[in-house]
Amino acid sequence: MEFNLDRDLCFFDVESTGLSVVKDKILQIAIIKYHKNGNPPTELSMLINPGIPISEEAMNVHGITPKMLSNKPTFQQVARELLEFIGDADLAGYNSNRFDVPMLMEEFARVGIEFDMSRRRTIDVQRIFYKMEPRTLRAALKYYTGKKIENAHDALADVRATVDVLKGQLEKYDGVDMEDGEGFMIEAPVKNDMQVLHSFTTDDKMIDATMRLKYNHEGVIVFNFGKYQGQDAAKVLTEDRQYYNWMLNKEFSTQVKQLIKKLVKEYNKKD
């Protein structure tokens, strides 16, 4: 099966020093880029010296040690190469909306590059899987393709498995309706259409990966934490500049900081 693309699509996966998208860093990244013009996919895989310790828990998962990274480039040294490779492509991955995308944004931000997500669509293959057949990547690959994953938690092996899973999902769920949690039937929600997949795999209530901002029942962006929880974020940030500056200078994700800047800018335009 070929993907029906109106824009380039990059499947990617990162391995990291730990699980915090704000404090931890990338030590391996792999990307497979599918081209809208039909050219064969291109691959990029690299190890990166994070410059900080790797947690024992993370090493037990991916097996990448400091010794393996001692002579590898830093993210700053490869940032431009990664940015050029990705270009203006949409992004896809497995649990990528909650982990890989925000972590990549943080790494770019640290080296002074704003990785703009406002015009990119994201397709989280895990979200399709969890909604249609809740299990793990290993089980997903076996379920949809009959294959067994080789070298699990190697970034490139995981990306290849994710590609195969999405192709299997598109074939299996072609024309298949879904019953949601409230008993309503959704007509064939999984289609070979990147906009449809983006909508299906994106949480329409939570706005950022760290779940600091969300939509309320009226569609207004509100805080999901702290003393202003549930209140209109744009209004609060505009009227309480101290709180706005506090958020910009504290350890909130780059994604949150981009969002609050945009909210204040748009709110001021209304005046």
Protein backbone atom coordinates (compact mmCIF):
# COMPACT_ATOMS: atom_id res chain seq x y z
CA MET A 1 0.00 0.00 0.00
CA GLU A 2 1.17 3.51 -0.81
CA PHE A 3 0.34 6.48 1.43
CA ASN A 4 -1.97 9.06 -0.12
CA LEU A 5 0.12 12.18 0.49
CA ASP A 6 -0.49 15.84 -0.24
CA ARG A 7 2.63 16.76 1.75
CA ASP A 8 5.86 14.99 2.71
CA LEU A 9 5.49 12.77 5.78
CA CYS A 10 8.28 12.02 8.27
CA PHE A 11 7.95 9.02 10.55
CA PHE A 12 10.36 9.43 13.44
CA ASP A 13 11.35 8.07 16.82
CA VAL A 14 13.74 9.27 19.51
CA GLU A 15 15.56 7.53 22.33
CA SER A 16 16.41 9.77 25.26
CA THR A 17 18.20 10.17 28.58
CA GLY A 18 14.87 9.88 30.43
CA LEU A 19 11.14 10.52 30.26
CA SER A 20 10.92 14.27 30.90
CA VAL A 21 10.25 16.16 27.65
CA VAL A 22 11.58 19.34 29.29
CA LYS A 23 14.67 18.19 31.21
CA ASP A 24 15.86 15.10 29.33
CA LYS A 25 17.63 15.07 25.96
CA ILE A 26 17.71 13.08 22.75
CA LEU A 27 20.52 10.59 22.27
CA GLN A 28 19.24 8.82 19.15
CA ILE A 29 16.87 9.91 16.42
CA ALA A 30 15.72 8.07 13.32
CA ILE A 31 13.53 9.39 10.52
CA ILE A 32 11.97 7.83 7.44
CA LYS A 33 10.69 10.48 5.05
CA TYR A 34 7.92 9.66 2.56
CA HIS A 35 7.75 12.06 -0.37
CA LYS A 36 4.53 13.42 -1.85
CA ASN A 37 6.08 13.25 -5.34
CA GLY A 38 6.32 9.47 -5.13
CA ASN A 39 10.10 9.25 -4.82
CA PRO A 40 11.42 6.35 -2.70
CA PRO A 41 11.49 7.01 1.05
CA THR A 42 14.71 8.42 2.50
CA GLU A 43 16.15 7.50 5.88
CA LEU A 44 18.22 9.34 8.46
CA SER A 45 19.50 7.82 11.69
CA MET A 46 22.05 9.22 14.11
CA LEU A 47 23.38 8.92 17.65
CA ILE A 48 23.72 12.21 19.55
CA ASN A 49 25.84 13.09 22.57
CA PRO A 50 23.30 14.58 25.02
CA GLY A 51 25.90 16.16 27.30
CA ILE A 52 24.00 15.01 30.41
CA PRO A 53 23.81 11.67 32.29
CA ILE A 54 21.56 8.90 30.99
CA SER A 55 19.19 7.48 33.59
CA GLU A 56 19.67 3.84 34.47
CA GLU A 57 16.00 3.20 33.64
CA ALA A 58 16.47 4.62 30.15
CA MET A 59 19.63 2.57 29.53
CA ASN A 60 17.77 -0.58 30.56
CA VAL A 61 15.21 0.17 27.84
CA HIS A 62 17.31 1.22 24.84
CA GLY A 63 20.76 -0.11 25.78
CA ILE A 64 22.60 3.03 24.68
CA THR A 65 25.51 3.84 27.02
CA PRO A 66 27.60 7.00 27.51
CA LYS A 67 30.60 5.22 25.98
CA MET A 68 28.66 4.70 22.74
CA LEU A 69 28.02 8.45 22.55
CA SER A 70 31.36 9.85 23.66
CA ASN A 71 32.54 10.75 20.14
CA LYS A 72 29.13 11.56 18.67
CA PRO A 73 27.97 15.09 17.72
CA THR A 74 25.82 17.23 19.98
CA PHE A 75 22.30 18.22 18.98
CA GLN A 76 23.53 21.72 18.19
CA GLN A 77 25.95 20.24 15.66
CA VAL A 78 23.24 18.26 13.84
CA ALA A 79 20.25 20.59 14.31
CA ARG A 80 20.46 22.22 10.87
CA GLU A 81 20.84 18.87 9.14
CA LEU A 82 17.74 17.55 10.93
CA LEU A 83 15.76 20.70 10.18
CA GLU A 84 16.62 20.55 6.48
CA PHE A 85 15.85 16.83 6.29
CA ILE A 86 12.41 17.26 7.87
CA GLY A 87 11.62 20.43 5.90
CA ASP A 88 7.92 21.31 6.02
CA ALA A 89 6.80 17.69 6.33
CA ASP A 90 4.02 16.41 8.55
CA LEU A 91 5.18 14.21 11.45
CA ALA A 92 4.16 10.69 12.38
CA GLY A 93 5.27 8.30 15.08
CA TYR A 94 4.24 6.00 17.90
CA ASN A 95 3.21 7.98 21.01
CA SER A 96 4.83 10.89 19.19
CA ASN A 97 2.29 13.56 20.16
CA ARG A 98 2.99 13.08 23.86
CA PHE A 99 6.74 12.43 23.75
CA ASP A 100 8.79 12.59 20.54
CA VAL A 101 7.34 15.82 19.08
CA PRO A 102 7.60 17.96 22.25
CA MET A 103 11.07 16.58 23.01
CA LEU A 104 12.25 17.48 19.52
CA MET A 105 10.78 20.97 19.94
CA GLU A 106 12.69 21.38 23.21
CA GLU A 107 15.99 20.36 21.62
CA PHE A 108 15.57 22.83 18.77
CA ALA A 109 14.61 25.58 21.24
CA ARG A 110 17.79 25.01 23.27
CA VAL A 111 19.91 25.82 20.21
CA GLY A 112 17.86 28.88 19.28
CA ILE A 113 15.67 27.32 16.58
CA GLU A 114 11.88 27.56 16.71
CA PHE A 115 10.49 24.33 15.32
CA ASP A 116 7.13 25.60 14.12
CA MET A 117 4.34 23.04 14.52
CA SER A 118 1.47 25.37 13.61
CA ARG A 119 1.42 24.28 9.94
CA ARG A 120 2.31 20.65 10.46
CA ARG A 121 -0.14 17.81 10.92
CA THR A 122 0.74 15.06 13.36
CA ILE A 123 -0.29 11.43 13.08
CA ASP A 124 0.14 9.37 16.22
CA VAL A 125 -0.07 5.73 15.19
CA GLN A 126 -0.43 4.71 18.83
CA ARG A 127 -3.67 6.67 19.07
CA ILE A 128 -5.16 4.69 16.16
CA PHE A 129 -3.99 1.47 17.75
CA TYR A 130 -5.25 2.29 21.25
CA LYS A 131 -8.61 3.42 19.92
CA MET A 132 -9.10 0.45 17.62
CA GLU A 133 -7.06 -2.34 19.29
CA PRO A 134 -5.51 -1.27 22.64
CA ARG A 135 -2.06 -2.95 22.92
CA THR A 136 1.73 -2.32 22.52
CA LEU A 137 3.96 -1.71 19.47
CA ARG A 138 5.26 -5.30 19.57
CA ALA A 139 1.69 -6.65 19.71
CA ALA A 140 0.54 -4.15 17.09
CA LEU A 141 3.16 -5.32 14.60
CA LYS A 142 2.25 -8.96 15.15
CA TYR A 143 -1.49 -8.22 15.06
CA TYR A 144 -1.51 -6.16 11.89
CA THR A 145 1.30 -7.78 9.90
CA GLY A 146 2.12 -11.13 11.50
CA LYS A 147 5.73 -9.98 11.91
CA LYS A 148 7.92 -9.99 15.01
CA ILE A 149 9.85 -6.85 15.87
CA GLU A 150 13.63 -7.15 15.68
CA ASN A 151 15.91 -5.01 17.88
CA ALA A 152 13.06 -3.49 19.90
CA HIS A 153 13.86 0.00 21.25
CA ASP A 154 16.40 0.65 18.54
CA ALA A 155 15.01 3.88 17.06
CA LEU A 156 15.25 2.85 13.40
CA ALA A 157 13.78 -0.60 14.06
CA ASP A 158 10.89 1.03 15.94
CA VAL A 159 10.28 3.49 13.09
CA ARG A 160 10.19 0.68 10.52
CA ALA A 161 7.77 -1.25 12.72
CA THR A 162 5.59 1.85 13.06
CA VAL A 163 5.47 2.29 9.27
CA ASP A 164 4.39 -1.34 8.85
CA VAL A 165 1.75 -0.97 11.59
CA LEU A 166 0.16 2.08 9.93
CA LYS A 167 0.03 0.32 6.58
CA GLY A 168 -1.59 -2.67 8.28
CA GLN A 169 -4.09 -0.40 10.04
CA LEU A 170 -5.07 1.33 6.80
CA GLU A 171 -5.76 -2.05 5.19
CA LYS A 172 -7.54 -3.60 8.19
CA TYR A 173 -9.79 -0.62 8.96
CA ASP A 174 -10.62 0.36 5.40
CA GLY A 175 -14.38 0.95 5.56
CA VAL A 176 -14.65 -0.21 9.19
CA ASP A 177 -16.89 1.87 11.50
CA MET A 178 -16.01 2.51 15.16
CA GLU A 179 -18.22 2.78 18.24
CA ASP A 180 -16.95 5.50 20.57
CA GLY A 181 -17.03 5.50 24.38
CA GLU A 182 -20.55 6.96 24.42
CA GLY A 183 -22.01 4.36 22.10
CA PHE A 184 -22.09 6.51 18.96
CA MET A 185 -20.98 5.00 15.67
CA ILE A 186 -18.27 6.84 13.72
CA GLU A 187 -18.25 6.02 10.04
CA ALA A 188 -14.90 4.60 8.82
CA PRO A 189 -12.61 6.89 10.87
CA VAL A 190 -9.34 5.39 9.57
CA LYS A 191 -8.63 6.43 5.98
CA ASN A 192 -5.54 6.80 3.80
CA ASP A 193 -5.79 10.56 4.20
CA MET A 194 -3.28 12.39 6.39
CA GLN A 195 -5.75 15.08 7.51
CA VAL A 196 -8.27 12.42 8.60
CA LEU A 197 -5.56 10.50 10.47
CA HIS A 198 -4.31 13.69 12.12
CA SER A 199 -7.83 14.48 13.38
CA PHE A 200 -8.40 10.91 14.56
CA THR A 201 -5.12 10.63 16.51
CA THR A 202 -5.06 14.10 18.06
CA ASP A 203 -6.67 14.67 21.46
CA ASP A 204 -9.13 17.46 20.71
CA LYS A 205 -9.29 18.61 24.34
CA MET A 206 -5.65 18.73 25.41
CA ILE A 207 -3.64 21.27 23.46
CA ASP A 208 -0.07 20.53 24.52
CA ALA A 209 1.82 17.35 25.29
CA THR A 210 2.33 18.24 28.96
CA MET A 211 -1.42 18.90 29.35
CA ARG A 212 -1.05 22.41 30.79
CA LEU A 213 -3.64 23.89 28.42
CA LYS A 214 -6.93 22.46 27.16
CA TYR A 215 -10.23 23.40 25.55
CA ASN A 216 -13.24 23.73 27.83
CA HIS A 217 -16.77 22.70 26.82
CA GLU A 218 -17.22 26.04 25.04
CA GLY A 219 -14.08 25.64 22.98
CA VAL A 220 -12.12 28.24 24.96
CA ILE A 221 -8.47 27.53 25.80
CA VAL A 222 -8.15 27.35 29.59
CA PHE A 223 -5.50 26.45 32.13
CA ASN A 224 -5.38 22.82 33.22
CA PHE A 225 -3.27 23.50 36.34
CA GLY A 226 -2.53 25.97 39.13
CA LYS A 227 -4.44 28.86 40.64
CA TYR A 228 -6.07 29.80 37.32
CA GLN A 229 -7.23 26.27 36.49
CA GLY A 230 -10.31 26.34 34.26
CA GLN A 231 -9.96 30.06 33.49
CA ASP A 232 -9.57 31.67 30.05
CA ALA A 233 -5.81 31.49 29.45
CA ALA A 234 -5.59 34.36 26.96
CA LYS A 235 -7.49 36.74 29.25
CA VAL A 236 -5.52 35.78 32.35
CA LEU A 237 -2.13 36.03 30.63
CA THR A 238 -2.96 39.42 29.15
CA GLU A 239 -4.23 40.90 32.41
CA ASP A 240 -1.69 39.25 34.74
CA ARG A 241 1.62 40.02 33.05
CA GLN A 242 3.53 38.77 36.09
CA TYR A 243 2.02 35.32 35.64
CA TYR A 244 2.72 35.46 31.89
CA ASN A 245 6.40 36.30 32.50
CA TRP A 246 6.59 33.64 35.21
CA MET A 247 5.45 30.98 32.74
CA LEU A 248 7.94 32.14 30.11
CA ASN A 249 10.82 31.86 32.58
CA LYS A 250 9.89 28.63 34.34
CA GLU A 251 10.38 25.04 33.17
CA PHE A 252 7.30 24.84 30.98
CA SER A 253 7.74 23.16 27.61
CA THR A 254 8.65 25.14 24.50
CA GLN A 255 5.29 24.09 23.10
CA VAL A 256 3.44 25.77 26.02
CA LYS A 257 5.55 28.92 25.75
CA GLN A 258 4.83 29.19 22.03
CA LEU A 259 1.13 28.73 22.69
CA ILE A 260 0.84 31.38 25.40
CA LYS A 261 2.72 33.92 23.28
CA LYS A 262 0.28 33.25 20.45
CA LEU A 263 -2.74 33.51 22.79
CA VAL A 264 -1.68 36.91 24.14
CA LYS A 265 -0.88 38.22 20.66
CA GLU A 266 -4.29 37.16 19.31
CA TYR A 267 -6.13 38.47 22.39
CA ASN A 268 -4.49 41.89 21.99
CA LYS A 269 -5.61 42.04 18.36
CA LYS A 270 -9.24 41.94 19.52
CA ASP A 271 -8.86 45.21 21.46
